[in-house]
Amino acid sequence: MGLNTGAVFGAGISSNGTVGATSAAIVPANTFSNWVTIQNTHATNKLSLSFNATATTSDFTLAPGASVTLPFGLANTLNGVGSAAGTTYALIGL
């Protein structure tokens, strides 16, 4: 049995965007192969996330300033919807 002790390098990705009260893709499929963190960067609006074709405000919701890390690559699109127009978010991952 071998042990791999070498460094594993990958190109990190970071981006940001805005979503309104209509569901939209915020993380396209296959953008992150290992993990991704999504942060709601809006001061007052909530950000709801879903792997369904349409995100709704009753899906997994991030409060203002909150974040979630998905410890796996995304083979499908992650959709988001804001509690109001101009809901901002940031993404970082590998």
N, C-alpha and C. Protein backbone atom coordinates (compact mmCIF):
# COMPACT_ATOMS: atom_id res chain seq x y z
N MET A 1 0.84 -1.18 0.00
CA MET A 1 0.00 0.00 0.00
C MET A 1 0.88 1.23 0.00
N GLY A 2 0.63 2.13 -0.92
CA GLY A 2 1.44 3.34 -1.03
C GLY A 2 0.76 4.51 -0.36
N LEU A 3 1.56 5.52 -0.13
CA LEU A 3 1.05 6.74 0.48
C LEU A 3 1.46 7.90 -0.41
N ASN A 4 0.50 8.65 -0.89
CA ASN A 4 0.78 9.81 -1.72
C ASN A 4 0.97 11.02 -0.82
N THR A 5 2.18 11.55 -0.78
CA THR A 5 2.44 12.70 0.08
C THR A 5 2.70 13.96 -0.72
N GLY A 6 2.59 13.88 -2.04
CA GLY A 6 2.83 15.05 -2.88
C GLY A 6 1.70 16.06 -2.77
N ALA A 7 2.03 17.29 -3.12
CA ALA A 7 1.03 18.35 -3.10
C ALA A 7 0.06 18.17 -4.27
N VAL A 8 -1.19 18.47 -4.03
CA VAL A 8 -2.20 18.45 -5.08
C VAL A 8 -2.61 19.90 -5.33
N PHE A 9 -2.29 20.38 -6.51
CA PHE A 9 -2.58 21.76 -6.82
C PHE A 9 -3.78 21.85 -7.76
N GLY A 10 -4.53 22.87 -7.61
CA GLY A 10 -5.66 23.13 -8.48
C GLY A 10 -5.86 24.63 -8.59
N ALA A 11 -6.53 25.04 -9.62
CA ALA A 11 -6.79 26.46 -9.82
C ALA A 11 -8.07 26.84 -9.09
N GLY A 12 -7.94 27.66 -8.07
CA GLY A 12 -9.11 28.13 -7.34
C GLY A 12 -9.93 29.08 -8.19
N ILE A 13 -11.19 29.17 -7.88
CA ILE A 13 -12.11 30.03 -8.61
C ILE A 13 -12.87 30.88 -7.60
N SER A 14 -12.99 32.15 -7.87
CA SER A 14 -13.85 33.00 -7.05
C SER A 14 -14.62 33.93 -7.98
N SER A 15 -15.83 34.24 -7.58
CA SER A 15 -16.66 35.15 -8.36
C SER A 15 -17.76 35.71 -7.47
N ASN A 16 -18.53 36.61 -8.01
CA ASN A 16 -19.67 37.16 -7.27
C ASN A 16 -20.76 37.51 -8.26
N GLY A 17 -21.94 37.75 -7.74
CA GLY A 17 -23.05 38.07 -8.63
C GLY A 17 -24.23 38.60 -7.87
N THR A 18 -25.30 38.79 -8.60
CA THR A 18 -26.54 39.33 -8.05
C THR A 18 -27.70 38.51 -8.59
N VAL A 19 -28.65 38.22 -7.73
CA VAL A 19 -29.87 37.53 -8.14
C VAL A 19 -31.05 38.31 -7.58
N GLY A 20 -32.15 38.26 -8.29
CA GLY A 20 -33.34 38.97 -7.84
C GLY A 20 -34.39 38.02 -7.30
N ALA A 21 -35.63 38.42 -7.38
CA ALA A 21 -36.73 37.63 -6.85
C ALA A 21 -37.20 36.57 -7.84
N THR A 22 -36.47 36.38 -8.94
CA THR A 22 -36.73 35.32 -9.90
C THR A 22 -35.55 34.37 -9.88
N SER A 23 -35.81 33.08 -9.83
CA SER A 23 -34.76 32.06 -9.78
C SER A 23 -33.81 32.17 -10.96
N ALA A 24 -32.51 32.01 -10.67
CA ALA A 24 -31.48 32.05 -11.71
C ALA A 24 -30.33 31.13 -11.30
N ALA A 25 -29.58 30.66 -12.29
CA ALA A 25 -28.39 29.84 -12.01
C ALA A 25 -27.32 30.72 -11.37
N ILE A 26 -26.79 30.30 -10.22
CA ILE A 26 -25.70 31.05 -9.61
C ILE A 26 -24.39 30.28 -9.67
N VAL A 27 -24.45 28.93 -9.75
CA VAL A 27 -23.26 28.12 -9.94
C VAL A 27 -23.55 27.15 -11.09
N PRO A 28 -22.98 27.41 -12.27
CA PRO A 28 -23.20 26.49 -13.39
C PRO A 28 -22.61 25.10 -13.10
N ALA A 29 -23.20 24.09 -13.68
CA ALA A 29 -22.72 22.71 -13.52
C ALA A 29 -21.25 22.61 -13.89
N ASN A 30 -20.53 21.80 -13.14
CA ASN A 30 -19.11 21.49 -13.39
C ASN A 30 -18.16 22.68 -13.27
N THR A 31 -18.57 23.75 -12.61
CA THR A 31 -17.67 24.89 -12.41
C THR A 31 -16.65 24.58 -11.33
N PHE A 32 -17.08 23.93 -10.26
CA PHE A 32 -16.20 23.58 -9.15
C PHE A 32 -16.12 22.05 -9.08
N SER A 33 -14.93 21.50 -9.15
CA SER A 33 -14.78 20.05 -9.17
C SER A 33 -14.56 19.44 -7.79
N ASN A 34 -14.19 20.25 -6.79
CA ASN A 34 -13.90 19.70 -5.46
C ASN A 34 -14.81 20.23 -4.36
N TRP A 35 -14.95 21.54 -4.25
CA TRP A 35 -15.79 22.14 -3.21
C TRP A 35 -16.12 23.57 -3.61
N VAL A 36 -17.14 24.12 -2.99
CA VAL A 36 -17.51 25.52 -3.22
C VAL A 36 -18.17 26.08 -1.96
N THR A 37 -17.85 27.33 -1.67
CA THR A 37 -18.51 28.07 -0.59
C THR A 37 -19.32 29.19 -1.22
N ILE A 38 -20.58 29.28 -0.80
CA ILE A 38 -21.48 30.33 -1.27
C ILE A 38 -21.78 31.23 -0.08
N GLN A 39 -21.57 32.53 -0.23
CA GLN A 39 -21.87 33.48 0.85
C GLN A 39 -22.89 34.49 0.37
N ASN A 40 -23.90 34.73 1.19
CA ASN A 40 -24.85 35.80 0.94
C ASN A 40 -24.18 37.08 1.42
N THR A 41 -23.83 37.96 0.50
CA THR A 41 -23.12 39.18 0.87
C THR A 41 -24.03 40.40 1.01
N HIS A 42 -25.32 40.20 0.87
CA HIS A 42 -26.25 41.33 1.01
C HIS A 42 -26.49 41.64 2.49
N ALA A 43 -26.67 42.91 2.79
CA ALA A 43 -26.84 43.35 4.19
C ALA A 43 -28.19 42.97 4.77
N THR A 44 -29.24 42.87 3.94
CA THR A 44 -30.58 42.61 4.50
C THR A 44 -31.36 41.51 3.79
N ASN A 45 -31.08 41.24 2.51
CA ASN A 45 -31.85 40.23 1.77
C ASN A 45 -31.37 38.81 2.08
N LYS A 46 -32.29 37.86 2.01
CA LYS A 46 -31.97 36.44 2.16
C LYS A 46 -31.70 35.84 0.79
N LEU A 47 -30.89 34.78 0.75
CA LEU A 47 -30.57 34.07 -0.48
C LEU A 47 -30.97 32.61 -0.31
N SER A 48 -31.87 32.12 -1.17
CA SER A 48 -32.31 30.73 -1.11
C SER A 48 -31.67 29.95 -2.24
N LEU A 49 -31.24 28.71 -1.95
CA LEU A 49 -30.50 27.87 -2.89
C LEU A 49 -31.22 26.56 -3.15
N SER A 50 -31.10 26.05 -4.38
CA SER A 50 -31.73 24.78 -4.70
C SER A 50 -31.06 24.15 -5.92
N PHE A 51 -30.98 22.82 -5.91
CA PHE A 51 -30.53 22.08 -7.10
C PHE A 51 -31.69 21.80 -8.03
N ASN A 52 -32.91 22.15 -7.62
CA ASN A 52 -34.06 22.01 -8.51
C ASN A 52 -33.96 23.05 -9.62
N ALA A 53 -34.71 22.86 -10.67
CA ALA A 53 -34.67 23.78 -11.81
C ALA A 53 -35.04 25.20 -11.41
N THR A 54 -35.91 25.34 -10.43
CA THR A 54 -36.32 26.65 -9.95
C THR A 54 -36.15 26.72 -8.44
N ALA A 55 -35.37 27.69 -7.97
CA ALA A 55 -35.22 27.92 -6.53
C ALA A 55 -36.40 28.75 -6.04
N THR A 56 -36.85 28.46 -4.84
CA THR A 56 -37.93 29.23 -4.22
C THR A 56 -37.47 29.70 -2.84
N THR A 57 -38.18 30.65 -2.29
CA THR A 57 -37.81 31.17 -0.97
C THR A 57 -38.06 30.17 0.15
N SER A 58 -38.67 29.03 -0.15
CA SER A 58 -38.85 28.00 0.88
C SER A 58 -37.75 26.93 0.80
N ASP A 59 -36.76 27.11 -0.11
CA ASP A 59 -35.62 26.21 -0.19
C ASP A 59 -34.59 26.55 0.89
N PHE A 60 -33.42 25.93 0.83
CA PHE A 60 -32.34 26.18 1.78
C PHE A 60 -31.97 27.66 1.72
N THR A 61 -32.11 28.38 2.83
CA THR A 61 -31.97 29.83 2.83
C THR A 61 -30.80 30.29 3.69
N LEU A 62 -30.01 31.20 3.11
CA LEU A 62 -28.90 31.83 3.83
C LEU A 62 -29.32 33.23 4.27
N ALA A 63 -29.15 33.49 5.55
CA ALA A 63 -29.42 34.82 6.09
C ALA A 63 -28.35 35.79 5.58
N PRO A 64 -28.58 37.08 5.69
CA PRO A 64 -27.56 38.06 5.29
C PRO A 64 -26.22 37.77 5.98
N GLY A 65 -25.16 37.69 5.20
CA GLY A 65 -23.82 37.44 5.73
C GLY A 65 -23.48 35.98 5.96
N ALA A 66 -24.46 35.09 5.88
CA ALA A 66 -24.22 33.66 6.13
C ALA A 66 -23.61 32.99 4.90
N SER A 67 -22.99 31.83 5.14
CA SER A 67 -22.40 31.08 4.04
C SER A 67 -22.59 29.58 4.27
N VAL A 68 -22.39 28.83 3.20
CA VAL A 68 -22.45 27.38 3.27
C VAL A 68 -21.35 26.83 2.36
N THR A 69 -20.68 25.77 2.81
CA THR A 69 -19.67 25.11 1.99
C THR A 69 -20.20 23.75 1.59
N LEU A 70 -20.16 23.49 0.29
CA LEU A 70 -20.54 22.18 -0.24
C LEU A 70 -19.22 21.44 -0.51
N PRO A 71 -18.95 20.37 0.25
CA PRO A 71 -17.63 19.72 0.19
C PRO A 71 -17.51 18.72 -0.97
N PHE A 72 -18.11 19.05 -2.09
CA PHE A 72 -18.07 18.17 -3.25
C PHE A 72 -18.21 19.03 -4.51
N GLY A 73 -17.77 18.50 -5.62
CA GLY A 73 -17.93 19.19 -6.89
C GLY A 73 -19.38 19.18 -7.31
N LEU A 74 -19.77 20.16 -8.09
CA LEU A 74 -21.16 20.27 -8.51
C LEU A 74 -21.31 19.78 -9.95
N ALA A 75 -21.96 18.64 -10.12
CA ALA A 75 -22.20 18.10 -11.46
C ALA A 75 -23.44 18.71 -12.09
N ASN A 76 -24.27 19.35 -11.26
CA ASN A 76 -25.45 20.02 -11.80
C ASN A 76 -25.48 21.47 -11.33
N THR A 77 -26.37 22.24 -11.88
CA THR A 77 -26.47 23.67 -11.61
C THR A 77 -27.10 23.93 -10.24
N LEU A 78 -26.54 24.91 -9.52
CA LEU A 78 -27.13 25.37 -8.27
C LEU A 78 -27.85 26.68 -8.58
N ASN A 79 -29.14 26.72 -8.30
CA ASN A 79 -29.96 27.90 -8.56
C ASN A 79 -30.18 28.69 -7.28
N GLY A 80 -30.40 29.98 -7.44
CA GLY A 80 -30.65 30.83 -6.29
C GLY A 80 -31.75 31.84 -6.58
N VAL A 81 -32.35 32.32 -5.51
CA VAL A 81 -33.36 33.37 -5.61
C VAL A 81 -33.21 34.25 -4.38
N GLY A 82 -33.34 35.55 -4.57
CA GLY A 82 -33.24 36.48 -3.46
C GLY A 82 -34.60 36.80 -2.87
N SER A 83 -34.60 37.28 -1.65
CA SER A 83 -35.86 37.69 -1.03
C SER A 83 -36.33 39.02 -1.61
N ALA A 84 -35.45 39.69 -2.35
CA ALA A 84 -35.78 40.95 -3.03
C ALA A 84 -34.76 41.15 -4.15
N ALA A 85 -35.02 42.12 -5.00
CA ALA A 85 -34.10 42.42 -6.10
C ALA A 85 -32.73 42.83 -5.55
N GLY A 86 -31.68 42.51 -6.30
CA GLY A 86 -30.35 42.96 -5.94
C GLY A 86 -29.69 42.18 -4.82
N THR A 87 -30.08 40.94 -4.59
CA THR A 87 -29.44 40.11 -3.56
C THR A 87 -28.08 39.68 -4.08
N THR A 88 -27.03 40.03 -3.35
CA THR A 88 -25.67 39.75 -3.80
C THR A 88 -25.10 38.52 -3.12
N TYR A 89 -24.17 37.87 -3.81
CA TYR A 89 -23.52 36.67 -3.27
C TYR A 89 -22.10 36.59 -3.79
N ALA A 90 -21.28 35.78 -3.11
CA ALA A 90 -19.91 35.53 -3.52
C ALA A 90 -19.68 34.03 -3.50
N LEU A 91 -18.81 33.56 -4.40
CA LEU A 91 -18.46 32.15 -4.51
C LEU A 91 -16.94 32.01 -4.45
N ILE A 92 -16.48 30.94 -3.79
CA ILE A 92 -15.06 30.61 -3.83
C ILE A 92 -14.95 29.10 -3.73
N GLY A 93 -14.02 28.54 -4.46
CA GLY A 93 -13.90 27.09 -4.42
C GLY A 93 -12.79 26.58 -5.30
N LEU A 94 -12.80 25.27 -5.45
CA LEU A 94 -11.79 24.57 -6.22
C LEU A 94 -12.46 23.47 -7.02
